[in-house]
Amino acid sequence: MTKKLYVGNLAYTVREEELQELFGQAGKVESVKIITDTMTGRSKGFAFVEMMEEEEARKAKEMFNGYTFKERNLTVDDARPQRERGSRDFDSRRGGGRDKGWSRY
């Protein structure tokens, strides 16, 4: 059973291949995903690493939490389930629309 880890405080220059190699020292890595800004494509400074076995994930947390990688101290912990996002109703976010009792005049 795979186990997903959160990896934070990444240098913006870190590539997924580098994390794959680093975490491979603790066991078999199923996947690596660096989270990027949708507008700029720049790294947000964190990633998710999925290890093949729970024991390997525990070992990776012990090995790499606080580990200095590219001059940054990594934060490694169990990933939490993704919370559900609400719908993106842009008109209501802007606070307006005649159907809501608002008027421009």
N, C-alpha and C. Protein backbone atom coordinates (compact mmCIF):
# COMPACT_ATOMS: atom_id res chain seq x y z
N MET A 1 0.85 -1.18 0.00
CA MET A 1 0.00 0.00 0.00
C MET A 1 0.89 1.25 0.00
N THR A 2 0.61 2.18 -0.89
CA THR A 2 1.44 3.38 -0.99
C THR A 2 1.10 4.36 0.13
N LYS A 3 2.07 5.21 0.43
CA LYS A 3 1.94 6.22 1.48
C LYS A 3 2.45 7.54 0.93
N LYS A 4 1.62 8.58 1.01
CA LYS A 4 1.98 9.88 0.47
C LYS A 4 2.57 10.77 1.57
N LEU A 5 3.68 11.42 1.23
CA LEU A 5 4.36 12.33 2.14
C LEU A 5 4.32 13.75 1.60
N TYR A 6 4.21 14.71 2.51
CA TYR A 6 4.34 16.12 2.20
C TYR A 6 5.81 16.49 2.40
N VAL A 7 6.38 17.20 1.44
CA VAL A 7 7.77 17.66 1.54
C VAL A 7 7.75 19.18 1.35
N GLY A 8 8.08 19.91 2.41
CA GLY A 8 8.02 21.36 2.37
C GLY A 8 9.38 22.01 2.51
N ASN A 9 9.40 23.32 2.32
CA ASN A 9 10.59 24.17 2.40
C ASN A 9 11.61 23.81 1.32
N LEU A 10 11.10 23.50 0.13
CA LEU A 10 11.98 23.17 -0.99
C LEU A 10 12.53 24.44 -1.62
N ALA A 11 13.76 24.35 -2.07
CA ALA A 11 14.32 25.42 -2.90
C ALA A 11 13.52 25.44 -4.20
N TYR A 12 13.31 26.61 -4.76
CA TYR A 12 12.49 26.73 -5.97
C TYR A 12 13.14 26.07 -7.19
N THR A 13 14.41 25.75 -7.10
CA THR A 13 15.13 25.15 -8.22
C THR A 13 15.10 23.61 -8.20
N VAL A 14 14.55 23.00 -7.17
CA VAL A 14 14.53 21.54 -7.05
C VAL A 14 13.65 20.95 -8.15
N ARG A 15 14.14 19.87 -8.77
CA ARG A 15 13.39 19.17 -9.81
C ARG A 15 12.84 17.85 -9.25
N GLU A 16 11.78 17.36 -9.85
CA GLU A 16 11.16 16.11 -9.39
C GLU A 16 12.14 14.94 -9.44
N GLU A 17 13.00 14.92 -10.44
CA GLU A 17 13.98 13.84 -10.56
C GLU A 17 14.94 13.82 -9.36
N GLU A 18 15.29 15.02 -8.87
CA GLU A 18 16.19 15.11 -7.72
C GLU A 18 15.51 14.56 -6.46
N LEU A 19 14.23 14.87 -6.29
CA LEU A 19 13.51 14.33 -5.13
C LEU A 19 13.35 12.82 -5.25
N GLN A 20 13.10 12.34 -6.45
CA GLN A 20 12.97 10.90 -6.68
C GLN A 20 14.26 10.19 -6.25
N GLU A 21 15.39 10.76 -6.64
CA GLU A 21 16.69 10.17 -6.28
C GLU A 21 16.93 10.24 -4.78
N LEU A 22 16.64 11.39 -4.17
CA LEU A 22 16.86 11.56 -2.73
C LEU A 22 16.01 10.57 -1.93
N PHE A 23 14.70 10.56 -2.19
CA PHE A 23 13.81 9.70 -1.42
C PHE A 23 13.99 8.22 -1.77
N GLY A 24 14.58 7.94 -2.92
CA GLY A 24 14.90 6.57 -3.28
C GLY A 24 15.89 5.93 -2.33
N GLN A 25 16.62 6.75 -1.59
CA GLN A 25 17.55 6.22 -0.58
C GLN A 25 16.80 5.54 0.57
N ALA A 26 15.51 5.90 0.74
CA ALA A 26 14.72 5.32 1.83
C ALA A 26 13.87 4.15 1.36
N GLY A 27 13.70 3.99 0.04
CA GLY A 27 12.87 2.91 -0.47
C GLY A 27 12.36 3.25 -1.86
N LYS A 28 11.44 2.44 -2.33
CA LYS A 28 10.90 2.61 -3.69
C LYS A 28 9.91 3.78 -3.72
N VAL A 29 10.16 4.72 -4.63
CA VAL A 29 9.32 5.89 -4.81
C VAL A 29 8.33 5.61 -5.93
N GLU A 30 7.05 5.75 -5.63
CA GLU A 30 6.00 5.54 -6.63
C GLU A 30 5.84 6.78 -7.52
N SER A 31 5.81 7.97 -6.90
CA SER A 31 5.64 9.20 -7.68
C SER A 31 6.15 10.41 -6.90
N VAL A 32 6.46 11.47 -7.64
CA VAL A 32 6.88 12.75 -7.07
C VAL A 32 6.13 13.84 -7.83
N LYS A 33 5.55 14.78 -7.10
CA LYS A 33 4.84 15.89 -7.74
C LYS A 33 5.19 17.18 -7.01
N ILE A 34 5.96 18.05 -7.68
CA ILE A 34 6.23 19.38 -7.15
C ILE A 34 5.05 20.27 -7.52
N ILE A 35 4.51 20.97 -6.55
CA ILE A 35 3.34 21.82 -6.78
C ILE A 35 3.81 23.16 -7.32
N THR A 36 3.18 23.58 -8.42
CA THR A 36 3.58 24.82 -9.08
C THR A 36 2.42 25.80 -9.14
N ASP A 37 2.76 27.06 -9.27
CA ASP A 37 1.78 28.12 -9.45
C ASP A 37 1.20 27.99 -10.86
N THR A 38 -0.12 28.01 -10.98
CA THR A 38 -0.74 27.80 -12.29
C THR A 38 -0.49 28.96 -13.25
N MET A 39 -0.29 30.15 -12.73
CA MET A 39 -0.07 31.30 -13.60
C MET A 39 1.39 31.40 -14.08
N THR A 40 2.34 31.15 -13.19
CA THR A 40 3.75 31.36 -13.54
C THR A 40 4.49 30.06 -13.83
N GLY A 41 3.97 28.93 -13.36
CA GLY A 41 4.66 27.66 -13.51
C GLY A 41 5.80 27.48 -12.52
N ARG A 42 6.01 28.47 -11.66
CA ARG A 42 7.09 28.42 -10.67
C ARG A 42 6.68 27.52 -9.49
N SER A 43 7.67 26.83 -8.95
CA SER A 43 7.43 25.97 -7.79
C SER A 43 6.89 26.79 -6.63
N LYS A 44 5.96 26.18 -5.88
CA LYS A 44 5.44 26.81 -4.67
C LYS A 44 6.27 26.44 -3.44
N GLY A 45 7.30 25.63 -3.63
CA GLY A 45 8.20 25.29 -2.54
C GLY A 45 7.79 24.06 -1.75
N PHE A 46 6.85 23.28 -2.30
CA PHE A 46 6.51 22.02 -1.64
C PHE A 46 6.13 20.98 -2.68
N ALA A 47 6.14 19.72 -2.22
CA ALA A 47 5.88 18.61 -3.13
C ALA A 47 5.21 17.48 -2.37
N PHE A 48 4.75 16.50 -3.12
CA PHE A 48 4.23 15.27 -2.54
C PHE A 48 5.03 14.11 -3.13
N VAL A 49 5.50 13.25 -2.24
CA VAL A 49 6.25 12.06 -2.63
C VAL A 49 5.47 10.86 -2.16
N GLU A 50 5.21 9.95 -3.07
CA GLU A 50 4.46 8.74 -2.73
C GLU A 50 5.42 7.56 -2.70
N MET A 51 5.51 6.95 -1.52
CA MET A 51 6.39 5.80 -1.32
C MET A 51 5.56 4.52 -1.47
N MET A 52 6.21 3.44 -1.92
CA MET A 52 5.51 2.18 -2.16
C MET A 52 5.01 1.51 -0.88
N GLU A 53 5.78 1.60 0.19
CA GLU A 53 5.44 0.92 1.44
C GLU A 53 5.40 1.90 2.59
N GLU A 54 4.52 1.65 3.53
CA GLU A 54 4.40 2.52 4.70
C GLU A 54 5.70 2.56 5.51
N GLU A 55 6.37 1.44 5.62
CA GLU A 55 7.63 1.38 6.36
C GLU A 55 8.70 2.24 5.68
N GLU A 56 8.71 2.25 4.36
CA GLU A 56 9.66 3.09 3.62
C GLU A 56 9.34 4.57 3.82
N ALA A 57 8.06 4.90 3.88
CA ALA A 57 7.65 6.28 4.13
C ALA A 57 8.09 6.73 5.53
N ARG A 58 7.94 5.86 6.51
CA ARG A 58 8.39 6.17 7.87
C ARG A 58 9.89 6.41 7.89
N LYS A 59 10.62 5.56 7.19
CA LYS A 59 12.08 5.70 7.11
C LYS A 59 12.45 7.02 6.43
N ALA A 60 11.74 7.38 5.37
CA ALA A 60 12.01 8.64 4.66
C ALA A 60 11.75 9.84 5.57
N LYS A 61 10.69 9.79 6.36
CA LYS A 61 10.41 10.89 7.30
C LYS A 61 11.55 11.03 8.30
N GLU A 62 12.02 9.91 8.83
CA GLU A 62 13.12 9.95 9.80
C GLU A 62 14.41 10.46 9.16
N MET A 63 14.67 10.05 7.93
CA MET A 63 15.91 10.43 7.25
C MET A 63 15.92 11.89 6.79
N PHE A 64 14.77 12.37 6.32
CA PHE A 64 14.78 13.64 5.60
C PHE A 64 14.05 14.79 6.27
N ASN A 65 13.32 14.58 7.36
CA ASN A 65 12.72 15.70 8.07
C ASN A 65 13.84 16.46 8.77
N GLY A 66 14.04 17.72 8.39
CA GLY A 66 15.13 18.52 8.92
C GLY A 66 16.43 18.40 8.12
N TYR A 67 16.44 17.54 7.13
CA TYR A 67 17.61 17.30 6.28
C TYR A 67 17.88 18.54 5.41
N THR A 68 19.15 18.93 5.31
CA THR A 68 19.51 20.08 4.48
C THR A 68 19.70 19.61 3.03
N PHE A 69 18.88 20.17 2.15
CA PHE A 69 18.90 19.84 0.73
C PHE A 69 18.86 21.14 -0.05
N LYS A 70 19.91 21.39 -0.83
CA LYS A 70 20.04 22.64 -1.59
C LYS A 70 19.90 23.86 -0.67
N GLU A 71 20.61 23.78 0.45
CA GLU A 71 20.69 24.87 1.44
C GLU A 71 19.36 25.19 2.12
N ARG A 72 18.42 24.25 2.13
CA ARG A 72 17.14 24.43 2.81
C ARG A 72 16.91 23.21 3.70
N ASN A 73 16.35 23.43 4.90
CA ASN A 73 16.00 22.32 5.79
C ASN A 73 14.61 21.82 5.43
N LEU A 74 14.54 20.59 4.94
CA LEU A 74 13.27 20.03 4.49
C LEU A 74 12.33 19.76 5.66
N THR A 75 11.05 19.88 5.38
CA THR A 75 9.99 19.45 6.29
C THR A 75 9.32 18.26 5.63
N VAL A 76 9.33 17.11 6.29
CA VAL A 76 8.71 15.91 5.73
C VAL A 76 7.74 15.36 6.74
N ASP A 77 6.50 15.15 6.30
CA ASP A 77 5.45 14.63 7.18
C ASP A 77 4.43 13.88 6.34
N ASP A 78 3.53 13.16 7.01
CA ASP A 78 2.45 12.50 6.30
C ASP A 78 1.58 13.54 5.61
N ALA A 79 1.20 13.27 4.38
CA ALA A 79 0.31 14.17 3.66
C ALA A 79 -1.10 14.01 4.22
N ARG A 80 -1.78 15.13 4.36
CA ARG A 80 -3.17 15.09 4.81
C ARG A 80 -4.08 14.95 3.59
N PRO A 81 -5.26 14.38 3.76
CA PRO A 81 -6.18 14.29 2.62
C PRO A 81 -6.52 15.69 2.10
N GLN A 82 -6.67 15.79 0.79
CA GLN A 82 -6.99 17.08 0.18
C GLN A 82 -8.40 17.48 0.59
N ARG A 83 -8.53 18.73 1.05
CA ARG A 83 -9.85 19.19 1.44
C ARG A 83 -10.62 19.58 0.19
N GLU A 84 -11.91 19.44 0.29
CA GLU A 84 -12.77 19.74 -0.84
C GLU A 84 -12.92 21.24 -1.01
N ARG A 85 -12.83 21.70 -2.22
CA ARG A 85 -12.99 23.12 -2.51
C ARG A 85 -14.43 23.39 -2.91
N GLY A 86 -14.88 24.60 -2.57
CA GLY A 86 -16.21 25.01 -2.99
C GLY A 86 -16.21 25.39 -4.46
N SER A 87 -17.38 25.63 -4.99
CA SER A 87 -17.46 26.04 -6.38
C SER A 87 -16.91 27.45 -6.52
N ARG A 88 -16.48 27.78 -7.68
CA ARG A 88 -15.89 29.10 -7.94
C ARG A 88 -16.94 29.98 -8.60
N ASP A 89 -17.75 30.61 -7.80
CA ASP A 89 -18.77 31.52 -8.29
C ASP A 89 -18.19 32.92 -8.26
N PHE A 90 -17.58 33.33 -9.39
CA PHE A 90 -16.86 34.59 -9.43
C PHE A 90 -17.77 35.79 -9.22
N ASP A 91 -19.00 35.73 -9.72
CA ASP A 91 -19.90 36.87 -9.57
C ASP A 91 -20.23 37.12 -8.11
N SER A 92 -20.49 36.06 -7.36
CA SER A 92 -20.83 36.25 -5.94
C SER A 92 -19.61 36.70 -5.15
N ARG A 93 -18.41 36.30 -5.57
CA ARG A 93 -17.20 36.73 -4.87
C ARG A 93 -17.00 38.23 -5.04
N ARG A 94 -17.38 38.74 -6.18
CA ARG A 94 -17.24 40.17 -6.44
C ARG A 94 -18.32 40.95 -5.71
N GLY A 95 -19.29 40.25 -5.17
CA GLY A 95 -20.29 40.92 -4.33
C GLY A 95 -21.44 41.52 -5.09
N GLY A 96 -21.65 41.11 -6.29
CA GLY A 96 -22.70 41.84 -6.98
C GLY A 96 -23.56 41.02 -7.89
N GLY A 97 -24.41 41.75 -8.50
CA GLY A 97 -25.40 41.18 -9.39
C GLY A 97 -26.76 41.64 -8.95
N ARG A 98 -27.58 41.97 -9.90
CA ARG A 98 -28.91 42.50 -9.55
C ARG A 98 -29.77 41.46 -8.86
N ASP A 99 -29.52 40.19 -9.14
CA ASP A 99 -30.33 39.15 -8.51
C ASP A 99 -30.06 39.04 -7.01
N LYS A 100 -29.06 39.70 -6.51
CA LYS A 100 -28.74 39.63 -5.10
C LYS A 100 -29.15 40.90 -4.36
N GLY A 101 -29.93 41.73 -5.03
CA GLY A 101 -30.44 42.93 -4.38
C GLY A 101 -29.49 44.12 -4.44
N TRP A 102 -28.45 44.01 -5.25
CA TRP A 102 -27.49 45.10 -5.36
C TRP A 102 -27.76 45.87 -6.63
N SER A 103 -27.39 47.11 -6.61
CA SER A 103 -27.55 47.94 -7.78
C SER A 103 -26.33 48.83 -7.96
N ARG A 104 -26.04 49.17 -9.19
CA ARG A 104 -24.93 50.07 -9.46
C ARG A 104 -25.34 51.51 -9.21
N TYR A 105 -26.63 51.79 -9.19
CA TYR A 105 -27.10 53.19 -9.13
C TYR A 105 -27.75 53.51 -7.82
